Amino acid sequence: MKPIIQQVIPLYPSSVHIQWTVEDKESAFSGAEVLRSESPQGPFTSVVGPLDASTFFYVDTEPELSGLNRPLYYIIKANSIYGPDKYVLSEAKTFGYELKGHRAKIARKARRDLTVTLSRLNGVQIAILKRKTFGPRCTYCFNPETKDTLFSSCPTCYGSSFLDGYHDPIYAWGKLDPVTIQRSLGSSGNIETGMTGLTIVDYPRMSIDDVIVELKTNRRFKVQRVMTSESSRVVVHQDLQVSELSRSSVEYSIPVELSHAER
């Protein structure tokens, strides 16, 4: 069992987004706690927890960022089903870039400007469904002996092998580009795949096989490629390549509250 912090991002104007994952081949992970300090050596105090074993991020609204000049360090404490003394701590991690000078201002302004542009001009409302990679295993199709799923279209885990398959939706804004056709050569001949570009802010960090839902139409897309755009070595947004899922795909069974879309 190994917790890994993936992102620590200051959000406009005064909160911090912390995202993590857990390497857990033994399925020992029972839940996480978020610890915070002003020094990488500590002392660290608990901010929140224990959180549900499937939770992958937390937004810390307590700290006063003071113009992004005050460093904050976070640790994820991974608790074990085998007892309170079997926990594992992640490495301490602070913001993903130096919090001084123009780079901090660029990141905060770019993130805010993109959010405003997407929500007011050219964006669509989306639900982000992060595919689970840790947490309780599916009790319907996962075989604990072989560490494999019995079938890929499981109605409980949607082929992920983890209970409920995907994390709870995160509602956001994104910009969908026109569909482009990509051709490749397969065993049965030429294959044509419709790919769509999608721009979102730089959090939560996306991964291949995550699912995006366009709320107004319930069109669903699977992430095929993840790229990032930077300014002055600061990541300001994520550029995704996504392919639209067919209506018969098991991912269409994932519950999403479509009423979040503005009418």
Protein backbone atom coordinates (compact mmCIF):
# COMPACT_ATOMS: atom_id res chain seq x y z
CA MET A 1 0.00 0.00 0.00
CA LYS A 2 1.50 3.31 -1.13
CA PRO A 3 -0.29 6.70 -1.19
CA ILE A 4 0.93 9.18 -3.81
CA ILE A 5 0.00 12.86 -4.00
CA GLN A 6 -0.66 13.78 -7.64
CA GLN A 7 -1.57 17.47 -7.33
CA VAL A 8 -1.39 20.32 -4.86
CA ILE A 9 -2.91 23.39 -6.54
CA PRO A 10 -3.85 26.79 -5.06
CA LEU A 11 -7.30 27.74 -6.33
CA TYR A 12 -8.59 31.27 -6.80
CA PRO A 13 -8.92 33.02 -4.43
CA SER A 14 -8.02 31.14 -1.23
CA SER A 15 -8.32 27.34 -1.22
CA VAL A 16 -6.06 24.41 -2.10
CA HIS A 17 -6.90 21.32 -4.20
CA ILE A 18 -5.13 18.12 -3.15
CA GLN A 19 -5.46 14.99 -5.31
CA TRP A 20 -3.98 11.56 -4.66
CA THR A 21 -3.96 7.94 -5.69
CA VAL A 22 -3.04 4.74 -3.85
CA GLU A 23 -1.07 1.77 -5.11
CA ASP A 24 -2.83 -1.08 -3.32
CA LYS A 25 -2.30 -4.53 -4.85
CA GLU A 26 -3.28 -6.23 -1.57
CA SER A 27 -6.59 -4.30 -1.25
CA ALA A 28 -5.56 -3.22 2.26
CA PHE A 29 -6.48 0.46 1.92
CA SER A 30 -9.42 1.52 4.12
CA GLY A 31 -9.42 5.33 3.77
CA ALA A 32 -7.29 8.46 3.72
CA GLU A 33 -6.52 11.37 5.97
CA VAL A 34 -5.08 14.71 4.80
CA LEU A 35 -2.31 16.21 6.95
CA ARG A 36 -0.93 19.76 6.61
CA SER A 37 2.13 21.69 7.79
CA GLU A 38 4.09 24.84 6.96
CA SER A 39 7.31 22.83 6.82
CA PRO A 40 8.20 19.59 4.99
CA GLN A 41 9.63 18.32 8.30
CA GLY A 42 6.37 19.01 10.17
CA PRO A 43 4.79 18.86 12.60
CA PHE A 44 1.77 17.83 10.52
CA THR A 45 -1.78 18.16 11.78
CA SER A 46 -4.87 16.40 10.46
CA VAL A 47 -7.03 18.53 8.15
CA VAL A 48 -9.75 16.00 7.35
CA GLY A 49 -10.39 12.29 7.64
CA PRO A 50 -10.72 9.48 7.68
CA LEU A 51 -12.26 9.85 4.22
CA ASP A 52 -14.02 7.10 2.29
CA ALA A 53 -11.63 4.66 0.62
CA SER A 54 -12.75 5.75 -2.86
CA THR A 55 -12.18 9.50 -2.28
CA PHE A 56 -9.37 10.88 -4.42
CA PHE A 57 -9.26 14.63 -3.68
CA TYR A 58 -9.95 17.27 -1.06
CA VAL A 59 -10.32 21.07 -1.25
CA ASP A 60 -8.73 22.70 1.78
CA THR A 61 -10.54 25.97 2.49
CA GLU A 62 -8.91 26.78 5.83
CA PRO A 63 -5.48 28.22 5.00
CA GLU A 64 -4.88 31.90 4.40
CA LEU A 65 -2.75 31.90 1.26
CA SER A 66 -1.52 35.46 1.84
CA GLY A 67 -0.92 36.20 -1.81
CA LEU A 68 0.56 32.72 -2.43
CA ASN A 69 3.73 33.60 -0.52
CA ARG A 70 3.25 31.12 2.34
CA PRO A 71 4.28 27.51 1.63
CA LEU A 72 1.98 24.70 2.71
CA TYR A 73 2.92 21.03 2.71
CA TYR A 74 0.55 18.09 2.62
CA ILE A 75 0.80 14.39 3.44
CA ILE A 76 -1.74 11.67 2.71
CA LYS A 77 -2.09 9.11 5.47
CA ALA A 78 -3.37 5.80 4.06
CA ASN A 79 -5.11 3.73 6.73
CA SER A 80 -5.17 -0.07 6.58
CA ILE A 81 -7.93 -2.60 7.13
CA TYR A 82 -5.41 -4.55 9.20
CA GLY A 83 -5.29 -2.08 12.09
CA PRO A 84 -4.74 1.56 13.09
CA ASP A 85 -0.98 1.06 13.42
CA LYS A 86 -0.58 -0.24 9.84
CA TYR A 87 -0.97 3.14 8.14
CA VAL A 88 1.41 4.44 5.45
CA LEU A 89 2.33 8.09 4.84
CA SER A 90 2.96 9.68 1.45
CA GLU A 91 5.87 11.99 0.79
CA ALA A 92 5.24 15.60 1.79
CA LYS A 93 4.30 17.72 -1.20
CA THR A 94 3.71 21.41 -1.70
CA PHE A 95 2.44 23.41 -4.68
CA GLY A 96 3.62 22.21 -8.06
CA TYR A 97 5.62 25.36 -8.79
CA GLU A 98 7.50 28.09 -6.95
CA LEU A 99 4.95 30.33 -5.25
CA LYS A 100 6.77 33.58 -5.79
CA GLY A 101 6.86 36.16 -8.54
CA HIS A 102 5.08 36.13 -11.86
CA ARG A 103 4.61 32.37 -12.22
CA ALA A 104 2.22 32.17 -9.29
CA LYS A 105 0.24 35.07 -10.70
CA ILE A 106 0.18 33.53 -14.19
CA ALA A 107 -1.19 30.23 -12.89
CA ARG A 108 -3.91 31.78 -10.76
CA LYS A 109 -5.00 34.27 -13.45
CA ALA A 110 -4.90 31.70 -16.27
CA ARG A 111 -7.00 29.22 -14.30
CA ARG A 112 -9.56 31.87 -13.41
CA ASP A 113 -9.68 33.34 -16.94
CA LEU A 114 -10.23 29.92 -18.50
CA THR A 115 -13.06 29.16 -16.08
CA VAL A 116 -14.75 32.47 -16.89
CA THR A 117 -14.31 31.95 -20.64
CA LEU A 118 -15.72 28.43 -20.58
CA SER A 119 -18.67 29.29 -18.35
CA ARG A 120 -19.67 32.50 -20.17
CA LEU A 121 -18.58 32.13 -23.79
CA ASN A 122 -17.66 28.88 -25.52
CA GLY A 123 -17.94 26.10 -22.96
CA VAL A 124 -20.41 23.33 -22.20
CA GLN A 125 -21.26 21.87 -18.83
CA ILE A 126 -19.72 18.49 -18.21
CA ALA A 127 -19.49 15.82 -15.54
CA ILE A 128 -16.05 14.33 -14.96
CA LEU A 129 -16.09 10.64 -14.02
CA LYS A 130 -12.72 9.51 -12.74
CA ARG A 131 -12.20 5.76 -13.19
CA LYS A 132 -11.36 4.11 -9.88
CA THR A 133 -7.92 2.58 -9.48
CA PHE A 134 -8.09 1.88 -5.74
CA GLY A 135 -10.65 1.15 -3.07
CA PRO A 136 -12.96 -1.83 -2.42
CA ARG A 137 -13.09 -4.40 -5.21
CA CYS A 138 -16.26 -5.28 -7.06
CA THR A 139 -18.07 -8.06 -5.23
CA TYR A 140 -19.97 -9.09 -8.36
CA CYS A 141 -17.27 -9.82 -10.91
CA PHE A 142 -13.81 -9.56 -9.29
CA ASN A 143 -12.04 -12.82 -8.49
CA PRO A 144 -9.71 -12.25 -5.49
CA GLU A 145 -7.79 -15.43 -6.27
CA THR A 146 -6.87 -14.62 -9.87
CA LYS A 147 -6.99 -10.81 -9.40
CA ASP A 148 -9.09 -10.52 -12.54
CA THR A 149 -12.64 -9.60 -13.58
CA LEU A 150 -15.00 -12.25 -14.86
CA PHE A 151 -16.42 -10.06 -17.63
CA SER A 152 -15.77 -6.56 -18.98
CA SER A 153 -19.37 -5.27 -19.05
CA CYS A 154 -20.08 -5.65 -15.35
CA PRO A 155 -23.15 -3.57 -14.38
CA THR A 156 -21.68 -2.94 -10.92
CA CYS A 157 -18.11 -1.81 -11.66
CA TYR A 158 -18.43 -1.03 -15.40
CA GLY A 159 -15.34 -3.08 -16.15
CA SER A 160 -13.01 -1.31 -13.71
CA SER A 161 -12.94 -4.17 -11.12
CA PHE A 162 -13.54 -1.62 -8.33
CA LEU A 163 -16.85 -1.19 -6.50
CA ASP A 164 -19.09 1.33 -8.33
CA GLY A 165 -16.45 1.65 -11.05
CA TYR A 166 -16.08 5.44 -11.09
CA HIS A 167 -15.78 8.16 -8.48
CA ASP A 168 -18.69 10.52 -7.86
CA PRO A 169 -19.12 13.07 -10.68
CA ILE A 170 -17.32 16.40 -10.57
CA TYR A 171 -19.30 19.07 -12.41
CA ALA A 172 -17.31 21.56 -14.45
CA TRP A 173 -17.03 23.37 -17.79
CA GLY A 174 -15.18 22.28 -20.91
CA LYS A 175 -14.76 23.22 -24.56
CA LEU A 176 -15.50 20.49 -27.11
CA ASP A 177 -13.89 20.77 -30.54
CA PRO A 178 -15.34 19.37 -33.79
CA VAL A 179 -14.91 15.65 -34.41
CA THR A 180 -11.89 14.58 -36.44
CA ILE A 181 -11.47 11.16 -38.03
CA GLN A 182 -8.29 9.27 -37.21
CA ARG A 183 -7.40 6.27 -39.35
CA SER A 184 -5.32 3.29 -38.28
CA LEU A 185 -4.54 -0.16 -39.62
CA GLY A 186 -5.86 -3.11 -37.66
CA SER A 187 -6.09 -6.86 -38.12
CA SER A 188 -9.42 -6.43 -39.94
CA GLY A 189 -8.18 -3.61 -42.18
CA ASN A 190 -8.46 0.15 -41.95
CA ILE A 191 -10.12 1.44 -38.77
CA GLU A 192 -11.66 4.90 -38.50
CA THR A 193 -12.09 6.48 -35.07
CA GLY A 194 -13.85 9.75 -34.35
CA MET A 195 -11.77 11.84 -31.93
CA THR A 196 -12.77 15.07 -30.23
CA GLY A 197 -10.60 17.63 -28.48
CA LEU A 198 -11.70 18.77 -25.02
CA THR A 199 -10.17 21.61 -23.01
CA ILE A 200 -10.66 21.80 -19.24
CA VAL A 201 -8.84 23.42 -16.32
CA ASP A 202 -5.79 21.69 -14.87
CA TYR A 203 -7.63 19.90 -12.07
CA PRO A 204 -8.62 17.23 -11.34
CA ARG A 205 -5.79 15.50 -13.16
CA MET A 206 -7.29 13.31 -15.87
CA SER A 207 -6.19 9.83 -16.92
CA ILE A 208 -6.79 7.55 -19.88
CA ASP A 209 -10.16 5.73 -19.65
CA ASP A 210 -11.79 8.43 -17.50
CA VAL A 211 -15.26 9.37 -18.78
CA ILE A 212 -16.65 12.81 -19.67
CA VAL A 213 -20.42 13.45 -19.84
CA GLU A 214 -21.86 16.40 -21.77
CA LEU A 215 -24.79 17.20 -19.51
CA LYS A 216 -27.25 18.76 -21.96
CA THR A 217 -27.17 15.82 -24.38
CA ASN A 218 -25.85 12.99 -22.14
CA ARG A 219 -23.23 12.25 -24.78
CA ARG A 220 -20.41 10.33 -23.14
CA PHE A 221 -16.76 10.27 -24.08
CA LYS A 222 -13.78 8.19 -22.98
CA VAL A 223 -10.41 9.86 -22.52
CA GLN A 224 -7.82 8.47 -24.96
CA ARG A 225 -4.99 10.96 -24.54
CA VAL A 226 -4.03 13.62 -21.99
CA MET A 227 -1.85 16.63 -22.78
CA THR A 228 -1.18 19.82 -20.84
CA SER A 229 -0.52 23.41 -21.91
CA GLU A 230 2.00 25.50 -20.00
CA SER A 231 2.89 29.14 -19.63
CA SER A 232 6.23 30.01 -18.00
CA ARG A 233 6.52 26.34 -16.98
CA VAL A 234 3.16 26.48 -15.22
CA VAL A 235 0.40 24.10 -16.32
CA VAL A 236 -2.69 26.19 -17.07
CA HIS A 237 -5.11 23.68 -18.65
CA GLN A 238 -5.53 20.11 -19.86
CA ASP A 239 -6.04 19.25 -23.54
CA LEU A 240 -7.79 15.90 -23.85
CA GLN A 241 -8.42 13.68 -26.85
CA VAL A 242 -11.70 11.83 -26.28
CA SER A 243 -13.74 9.34 -28.31
CA GLU A 244 -17.53 9.25 -28.13
CA LEU A 245 -19.00 6.09 -26.63
CA SER A 246 -21.81 4.21 -28.29
CA ARG A 247 -25.17 4.27 -26.52
CA SER A 248 -24.83 0.55 -25.87
CA SER A 249 -21.62 1.04 -23.85
CA VAL A 250 -21.78 0.00 -20.21
CA GLU A 251 -20.52 3.49 -19.23
CA TYR A 252 -23.95 4.88 -20.14
CA SER A 253 -25.26 3.09 -17.05
CA ILE A 254 -23.12 5.19 -14.70
CA PRO A 255 -25.56 7.44 -12.80
CA VAL A 256 -25.06 11.17 -13.44
CA GLU A 257 -27.36 13.99 -12.35
CA LEU A 258 -28.06 15.68 -15.71
CA SER A 259 -30.13 18.42 -14.07
CA HIS A 260 -26.88 20.23 -13.24
CA ALA A 261 -26.99 21.57 -16.80
CA GLU A 262 -28.44 25.05 -17.15
CA ARG A 263 -31.69 25.11 -19.05
